[in-house]
Structures are given as C-alpha cells and as structure tokens.
Amino acid sequence: MLDFAIFAVTFVIILVGAVLYLYPSSRRASGIPGFNPADEKDGNLQDIVNRGSLHEFLVSLHQEFGSVASFWFGSRPVVSLGCVEQLRQHINPNHTTDSFETMLKSLLGYQSGIQSGVSEAVMRKKVYETAINNSVKNNFPLVLKLVEELVGKWSSFPDDQHIPLCAHLLGLAMKTVTQLALGERFKDDTAVISFRKNHDAIWSEIGKGYLDGSLEKSASRKGHYEKALSEMEAVLLSLVKERKAQRKQTVFVDGLLQSSLTERQIMEDCMVFTLAGCVIAANLCIWALHFLSTSEEVQDKLYQELEEVLGSEPLSLDKISQLR
C-alpha cells in the first residue's frame, strides 16, 4: 500500500510538471517577463493581429513588461529589446542567422539557409556582406543621383504644398534597392512599376493574410498573392541567368553568383533582400525625415555637422563614417 502511495504521488508530480512544461500558456520565453502564448500553435500571433500591427503589439509589450520582454511567434520564443542601450549590449557580430530573414523565408515557403549548419551559415553571411558592401561602393553615385532627383522635385513644390512622404520615399527605396540588388534592368520605370505592383501584393499578405489566417479563407486573395509571387520569382530567375552569362561584378546578385549557391537559392535570397530591403529603407527614411521635421534644434545641429564634415564637397562613402 505504501509503495502504491509513493508511486501515485510521484506520478502526479511528474504529470503536473510535464503539463506545466509542455503546455505553452504556462511558461514564458527563457524565463524573461512577457506575454504567455494565447494559443499552443500560433503563440501570440492573434494578439499581434488584435493590436493592428507588430509595432503596436511591441509597444504594449514593453509598456507592460519593461525594456526586455518576451512573446511567442508561433511556437518560437522571441525576446524583444525595447531600448538602444539593451540592443548595444546584445549585438553579436558573429551571429550567423537572422530571425527576420528566417521568418520571411518560412512565410514564403523557402528552405535555403533555414536549416543550414554553422559553417554554411558563416559562409553565407560573408557572401552577403561582401555582396552588399561591393554593391554600395560601386553604385553610391547612383544613390546620390536618385536622391538628388527627388530633392529637386520637392524643391520645385510651393511651400504650402503637401508632400506625400510615404509614397515618394517608398518609390525612392524601390528604385534604389532594385538597382543596387539586381542591376540596370530596373533603370526602366516600367520594370520598377511592375516590381512594385507584385511587391505590394506579396508584402500586404505576408503582413496580414498569413497572421490572421484570412488569406486561406479567400480564394481570390490567395490567387492574387500566388500570381504575384510566381511573377516575381520568374523575373528574378531570368535575371539571375542573365547576370550569370554577363559575368558582371557591380550589384548584389553578382556577388551571390560568385558563391556555390544554386540559381534557386540566389533567387530566394534576392526575393527576401528586395522585399524587405525596400520596406526597411523606405521606413527608415520616412521616420528620419518625420522626426527631423518636428525639431528645428536637431535640424540646426545636423546642418552644422554636415557643414563641418563636408564643407562644399559632395557626400562620399568615406565621409559618411565621419557623420555622427
């Protein structure tokens, strides 16, 4: 009888421990304060949808739990850093995987690089960094030209005319990122417009349709998304083959072609780079200009720094590192 009682108590303790450990709503990511998962499979995805955007969700997360907080993206625990000082302490230059890239590839159904080992991840990181650095170095005059064109357009507006900042800077980002990543084919505005149409269709569904499950419930939306993705992939694959034959060394895709990656892997990497790159570049510029417009003191400070570093000389890559 005593043996049975000991067995029963031990079994109950093990069972309770297993439930507490295995059921996600009963635990936090890495023991860090944060939201428990609302669903075993989707984690806090529905909470993100309910908040309206990932940004609003993160704002509420950090307001409640402080500068270091956790949540669940699907079944994956995520730690969010909500202040610059925390970010500086945790930057790891040797980190070989990018969570955002992994998430984006997963949503697109891509596999390249997701399951790779450490040595392959290190190799891919070096390939990307070299390709990006060479592309910026080779095409910096092009970036300045595109920016100066937009500034000239704004300068021609009457002082009281509204400037559609988001639309114009997304357009600038599209022109810049596509040419730096994919080459001169995107000097043609028609190619950029076609790219933007498919980009918007894909990005809008990645941002919402997958998260709230509405994409699967609408045959027309899903068809539109799949058509845009298929067209974009076809363009990128044809461009990879074209650049491979030309043996050029001027843009991002050329750097990837020098590696051991397959054409399919290069296409997938170019898809992620251009999809995310356009949005990230545009939003960085949008918010930078927005906040600059709200503070004359910061505008004066920035102007003074530009005068001290550049003087009457044009902006160049070697001067950028001197701008603080």
Protein backbone atom coordinates (compact mmCIF):
# COMPACT_ATOMS: atom_id res chain seq x y z
CA MET A 1 0.00 0.00 0.00
CA LEU A 2 2.81 2.38 0.92
CA ASP A 3 4.63 1.56 -2.35
CA PHE A 4 1.48 2.30 -4.33
CA ALA A 5 1.01 5.65 -2.50
CA ILE A 6 4.60 6.66 -3.23
CA PHE A 7 4.15 5.68 -6.89
CA ALA A 8 0.87 7.62 -7.15
CA VAL A 9 2.33 10.81 -5.63
CA THR A 10 5.42 10.58 -7.81
CA PHE A 11 3.30 10.04 -10.92
CA VAL A 12 1.09 13.05 -10.14
CA ILE A 13 4.16 15.28 -9.55
CA ILE A 14 5.70 14.16 -12.88
CA LEU A 15 2.37 14.65 -14.68
CA VAL A 16 1.89 18.18 -13.30
CA GLY A 17 5.50 19.05 -14.17
CA ALA A 18 5.05 17.77 -17.72
CA VAL A 19 1.86 19.78 -18.20
CA LEU A 20 3.49 22.95 -16.85
CA TYR A 21 6.48 22.47 -19.13
CA LEU A 22 4.79 21.27 -22.31
CA TYR A 23 1.72 23.49 -22.37
CA PRO A 24 2.96 26.81 -23.74
CA SER A 25 0.48 29.11 -22.00
CA SER A 26 2.04 28.12 -18.68
CA ARG A 27 5.56 29.33 -19.45
CA ARG A 28 7.49 32.34 -20.64
CA ALA A 29 10.25 32.54 -23.22
CA SER A 30 13.57 31.82 -21.50
CA GLY A 31 12.14 32.89 -18.14
CA ILE A 32 12.01 36.53 -19.31
CA PRO A 33 8.87 38.51 -18.36
CA GLY A 34 6.36 38.79 -21.19
CA PHE A 35 3.09 37.59 -22.66
CA ASN A 36 2.16 33.95 -22.33
CA PRO A 37 1.17 32.34 -25.66
CA ALA A 38 -2.52 32.74 -26.40
CA ASP A 39 -2.52 29.57 -28.49
CA GLU A 40 -0.35 26.46 -28.39
CA LYS A 41 0.30 26.52 -32.15
CA ASP A 42 0.15 30.23 -33.02
CA GLY A 43 1.63 31.69 -29.82
CA ASN A 44 0.85 35.43 -29.72
CA LEU A 45 0.06 35.85 -33.43
CA GLN A 46 -3.60 36.60 -32.70
CA ASP A 47 -2.55 39.19 -30.11
CA ILE A 48 -0.42 40.87 -32.81
CA VAL A 49 -3.40 40.90 -35.19
CA ASN A 50 -5.69 42.30 -32.47
CA ARG A 51 -3.26 45.16 -31.83
CA GLY A 52 -3.31 46.10 -35.51
CA SER A 53 0.41 45.72 -36.21
CA LEU A 54 3.60 44.20 -34.84
CA HIS A 55 4.76 47.69 -33.85
CA GLU A 56 1.68 48.38 -31.70
CA PHE A 57 1.97 44.92 -30.16
CA LEU A 58 5.61 45.55 -29.20
CA VAL A 59 4.75 48.98 -27.76
CA SER A 60 2.17 47.38 -25.46
CA LEU A 61 4.58 44.56 -24.61
CA HIS A 62 7.31 46.93 -23.42
CA GLN A 63 4.89 49.25 -21.65
CA GLU A 64 3.74 46.32 -19.52
CA PHE A 65 6.98 44.37 -19.04
CA GLY A 66 9.82 46.85 -19.45
CA SER A 67 12.73 47.20 -21.88
CA VAL A 68 13.43 43.45 -22.09
CA ALA A 69 10.34 41.33 -22.72
CA SER A 70 9.30 38.09 -24.37
CA PHE A 71 6.49 36.75 -26.52
CA TRP A 72 5.78 33.75 -28.75
CA PHE A 73 5.87 33.97 -32.55
CA GLY A 74 4.07 30.74 -33.35
CA SER A 75 5.82 28.06 -31.32
CA ARG A 76 9.06 30.05 -31.27
CA PRO A 77 10.01 32.14 -28.22
CA VAL A 78 11.19 35.67 -29.03
CA VAL A 79 12.95 38.19 -26.80
CA SER A 80 12.36 41.84 -27.71
CA LEU A 81 14.74 44.64 -26.72
CA GLY A 82 12.94 47.94 -26.32
CA CYS A 83 15.79 50.40 -25.83
CA VAL A 84 19.04 51.24 -27.59
CA GLU A 85 21.24 50.53 -24.58
CA GLN A 86 19.94 46.98 -24.29
CA LEU A 87 20.46 46.48 -28.02
CA ARG A 88 24.09 47.64 -27.81
CA GLN A 89 24.78 45.15 -25.04
CA HIS A 90 23.43 42.24 -27.08
CA ILE A 91 24.79 42.94 -30.56
CA ASN A 92 26.77 39.90 -31.67
CA PRO A 93 28.87 40.48 -34.81
CA ASN A 94 29.42 36.72 -35.09
CA HIS A 95 25.70 35.90 -35.11
CA THR A 96 25.13 33.76 -38.18
CA THR A 97 21.34 33.66 -38.52
CA ASP A 98 18.82 36.44 -38.87
CA SER A 99 15.44 35.84 -37.22
CA PHE A 100 13.64 38.23 -39.56
CA GLU A 101 15.13 36.54 -42.64
CA THR A 102 14.23 33.12 -41.24
CA MET A 103 10.64 34.20 -40.57
CA LEU A 104 10.25 35.77 -44.02
CA LYS A 105 11.64 32.71 -45.82
CA SER A 106 9.34 30.49 -43.79
CA LEU A 107 6.28 32.54 -44.77
CA LEU A 108 7.32 32.43 -48.43
CA GLY A 109 7.84 28.67 -48.24
CA TYR A 110 11.59 28.88 -48.88
CA GLN A 111 14.09 26.47 -47.33
CA SER A 112 17.53 27.78 -48.35
CA GLY A 113 19.64 28.79 -45.38
CA ILE A 114 16.99 27.94 -42.76
CA GLN A 115 18.30 24.50 -41.84
CA SER A 116 21.96 25.14 -42.68
CA GLY A 117 24.81 24.24 -40.32
CA VAL A 118 27.12 26.73 -38.65
CA SER A 119 29.87 26.58 -41.30
CA GLU A 120 27.40 27.13 -44.15
CA ALA A 121 25.70 29.96 -42.23
CA VAL A 122 29.06 31.68 -41.70
CA MET A 123 29.89 31.29 -45.39
CA ARG A 124 26.53 32.74 -46.47
CA LYS A 125 26.91 35.68 -44.10
CA LYS A 126 30.33 36.51 -45.55
CA VAL A 127 28.96 36.22 -49.10
CA TYR A 128 26.06 38.59 -48.28
CA GLU A 129 28.24 41.16 -46.53
CA THR A 130 30.74 41.23 -49.38
CA ALA A 131 27.98 41.46 -51.99
CA ILE A 132 26.23 44.32 -50.15
CA ASN A 133 29.43 46.28 -49.50
CA ASN A 134 30.57 45.98 -53.12
CA SER A 135 27.14 46.96 -54.43
CA VAL A 136 27.00 50.10 -52.29
CA LYS A 137 30.58 51.01 -53.19
CA ASN A 138 30.01 50.53 -56.93
CA ASN A 139 26.64 52.30 -57.02
CA PHE A 140 26.93 55.12 -54.49
CA PRO A 141 26.87 57.80 -57.26
CA LEU A 142 23.59 56.24 -58.47
CA VAL A 143 22.09 56.52 -54.97
CA LEU A 144 23.06 60.20 -54.78
CA LYS A 145 21.60 60.82 -58.26
CA LEU A 146 18.23 59.28 -57.34
CA VAL A 147 18.10 61.21 -54.06
CA GLU A 148 19.00 64.49 -55.76
CA GLU A 149 16.23 63.93 -58.31
CA LEU A 150 13.68 63.59 -55.52
CA VAL A 151 15.04 66.60 -53.62
CA GLY A 152 14.84 68.63 -56.82
CA LYS A 153 11.22 67.59 -57.24
CA TRP A 154 10.39 68.62 -53.67
CA SER A 155 12.22 71.93 -54.08
CA SER A 156 10.00 72.81 -57.03
CA PHE A 157 6.82 72.49 -54.90
CA PRO A 158 5.21 75.63 -53.43
CA ASP A 159 5.95 75.98 -49.70
CA ASP A 160 2.36 75.22 -48.72
CA GLN A 161 2.02 72.11 -50.91
CA HIS A 162 1.71 68.80 -49.09
CA ILE A 163 4.49 66.27 -49.78
CA PRO A 164 3.29 62.64 -49.81
CA LEU A 165 6.34 61.48 -47.86
CA CYS A 166 5.46 57.78 -47.62
CA ALA A 167 4.64 57.35 -51.32
CA HIS A 168 7.68 59.30 -52.54
CA LEU A 169 10.18 57.60 -50.22
CA LEU A 170 8.82 54.14 -50.95
CA GLY A 171 9.28 54.97 -54.63
CA LEU A 172 12.85 56.13 -53.96
CA ALA A 173 13.57 52.94 -51.99
CA MET A 174 12.15 50.77 -54.79
CA LYS A 175 14.33 52.45 -57.42
CA THR A 176 17.44 52.33 -55.25
CA VAL A 177 17.17 48.81 -53.81
CA THR A 178 16.21 47.15 -57.11
CA GLN A 179 19.11 48.72 -58.99
CA LEU A 180 21.65 48.03 -56.22
CA ALA A 181 20.42 44.46 -55.86
CA LEU A 182 19.53 43.49 -59.41
CA GLY A 183 21.20 45.87 -61.84
CA GLU A 184 20.42 48.20 -64.69
CA ARG A 185 17.29 46.37 -65.85
CA PHE A 186 15.48 48.43 -63.19
CA LYS A 187 16.59 51.77 -64.57
CA ASP A 188 13.42 51.43 -66.62
CA ASP A 189 10.46 52.87 -64.68
CA THR A 190 8.18 50.26 -66.26
CA ALA A 191 10.19 47.47 -64.63
CA VAL A 192 10.08 49.28 -61.27
CA ILE A 193 6.31 49.81 -61.51
CA SER A 194 5.76 46.13 -62.31
CA PHE A 195 8.03 45.17 -59.41
CA ARG A 196 6.15 47.47 -57.05
CA LYS A 197 2.77 46.02 -58.04
CA ASN A 198 3.89 42.48 -57.20
CA HIS A 199 5.88 43.63 -54.16
CA ASP A 200 2.80 45.33 -52.66
CA ALA A 201 0.62 42.27 -53.29
CA ILE A 202 3.11 39.91 -51.63
CA TRP A 203 4.06 42.17 -48.72
CA SER A 204 0.47 43.04 -47.76
CA GLU A 205 -0.46 39.36 -47.47
CA ILE A 206 2.71 38.46 -45.57
CA GLY A 207 1.96 41.28 -43.15
CA LYS A 208 -1.69 40.40 -42.56
CA GLY A 209 -3.08 37.47 -44.52
CA TYR A 210 -0.78 34.87 -43.01
CA LEU A 211 -1.04 36.22 -39.48
CA ASP A 212 -4.82 36.27 -39.17
CA GLY A 213 -5.46 33.29 -41.48
CA SER A 214 -7.64 35.37 -43.80
CA LEU A 215 -5.53 34.51 -46.87
CA GLU A 216 -6.54 30.86 -46.71
CA LYS A 217 -10.20 31.83 -46.44
CA SER A 218 -10.25 33.91 -49.63
CA ALA A 219 -9.61 32.08 -52.91
CA SER A 220 -9.37 35.36 -54.87
CA ARG A 221 -6.82 36.91 -52.49
CA LYS A 222 -4.78 33.74 -52.37
CA GLY A 223 -4.80 33.52 -56.18
CA HIS A 224 -3.70 37.16 -56.46
CA TYR A 225 -0.88 36.56 -53.97
CA GLU A 226 0.33 33.36 -55.66
CA LYS A 227 0.25 35.03 -59.08
CA ALA A 228 2.33 37.98 -57.82
CA LEU A 229 4.83 35.66 -56.13
CA SER A 230 5.12 33.48 -59.24
CA GLU A 231 5.68 36.50 -61.49
CA MET A 232 8.31 37.94 -59.15
CA GLU A 233 10.13 34.61 -58.93
CA ALA A 234 10.12 34.25 -62.72
CA VAL A 235 11.60 37.75 -63.16
CA LEU A 236 14.29 37.09 -60.56
CA LEU A 237 15.23 33.68 -62.00
CA SER A 238 15.56 35.10 -65.50
CA LEU A 239 17.65 37.96 -64.15
CA VAL A 240 19.95 35.54 -62.27
CA LYS A 241 20.56 33.61 -65.52
CA GLU A 242 21.12 36.87 -67.41
CA ARG A 243 23.66 38.23 -64.91
CA LYS A 244 25.41 34.86 -64.75
CA ALA A 245 26.03 34.99 -68.50
CA GLN A 246 27.23 38.60 -68.36
CA ARG A 247 29.79 37.89 -65.59
CA LYS A 248 29.49 41.39 -64.17
CA GLN A 249 30.63 42.42 -60.68
CA THR A 250 28.63 45.52 -59.85
CA VAL A 251 25.46 44.63 -57.88
CA PHE A 252 24.26 42.35 -55.07
CA VAL A 253 23.16 39.43 -57.25
CA ASP A 254 26.60 39.36 -58.94
CA GLY A 255 28.24 38.74 -55.57
CA LEU A 256 25.90 35.82 -54.86
CA LEU A 257 26.72 34.32 -58.27
CA GLN A 258 30.37 34.05 -57.26
CA SER A 259 29.44 31.65 -54.44
CA SER A 260 28.44 27.98 -54.53
CA LEU A 261 24.74 28.84 -54.14
CA THR A 262 22.33 27.41 -56.72
CA GLU A 263 20.27 29.65 -59.01
CA ARG A 264 17.18 28.81 -56.96
CA GLN A 265 18.90 29.78 -53.69
CA ILE A 266 20.11 33.05 -55.23
CA MET A 267 16.60 33.81 -56.47
CA GLU A 268 15.19 33.22 -52.97
CA ASP A 269 17.84 35.40 -51.37
CA CYS A 270 17.22 38.20 -53.87
CA MET A 271 13.48 37.93 -53.18
CA VAL A 272 13.98 38.36 -49.43
CA PHE A 273 16.59 41.11 -49.92
CA THR A 274 14.40 43.20 -52.22
CA LEU A 275 11.08 42.54 -50.46
CA ALA A 276 12.38 43.52 -47.03
CA GLY A 277 15.02 45.99 -48.23
CA CYS A 278 12.54 48.30 -49.93
CA VAL A 279 10.26 48.47 -46.90
CA ILE A 280 13.09 48.87 -44.37
CA ALA A 281 14.86 51.57 -46.39
CA ALA A 282 11.63 53.47 -47.02
CA ASN A 283 10.51 53.41 -43.39
CA LEU A 284 13.94 54.44 -42.13
CA CYS A 285 13.88 57.50 -44.40
CA ILE A 286 10.22 58.29 -43.64
CA TRP A 287 10.67 58.30 -39.87
CA ALA A 288 14.02 60.09 -40.01
CA LEU A 289 12.51 62.96 -42.03
CA HIS A 290 9.34 62.97 -39.94
CA PHE A 291 11.25 63.37 -36.67
CA LEU A 292 13.64 65.91 -38.22
CA SER A 293 10.64 67.99 -39.28
CA THR A 294 9.44 68.19 -35.65
CA SER A 295 12.67 69.65 -34.22
CA GLU A 296 14.39 72.76 -35.54
CA GLU A 297 17.11 72.30 -32.92
CA VAL A 298 18.07 68.90 -34.35
CA GLN A 299 17.88 70.29 -37.90
CA ASP A 300 20.37 73.04 -36.96
CA LYS A 301 22.63 70.50 -35.25
CA LEU A 302 22.61 68.23 -38.30
CA TYR A 303 23.22 71.13 -40.68
CA GLN A 304 26.21 72.27 -38.61
CA GLU A 305 27.69 68.75 -38.64
CA LEU A 306 27.28 68.49 -42.43
CA GLU A 307 28.99 71.85 -42.84
CA GLU A 308 31.91 70.76 -40.64
CA VAL A 309 32.42 67.35 -42.28
CA LEU A 310 31.58 68.11 -45.92
CA GLY A 311 32.03 71.82 -46.36
CA SER A 312 31.50 72.47 -50.04
CA GLU A 313 32.45 68.91 -51.07
CA PRO A 314 29.86 66.35 -52.19
CA LEU A 315 28.85 63.46 -49.94
CA SER A 316 31.06 60.38 -50.36
CA LEU A 317 31.32 56.95 -48.75
CA ASP A 318 34.49 57.80 -46.83
CA LYS A 319 32.80 60.91 -45.39
CA ILE A 320 29.75 59.00 -44.11
CA SER A 321 31.77 57.35 -41.34
CA GLN A 322 32.61 60.82 -40.00
CA LEU A 323 28.95 61.79 -39.65
CA ARG A 324 27.82 61.03 -36.08
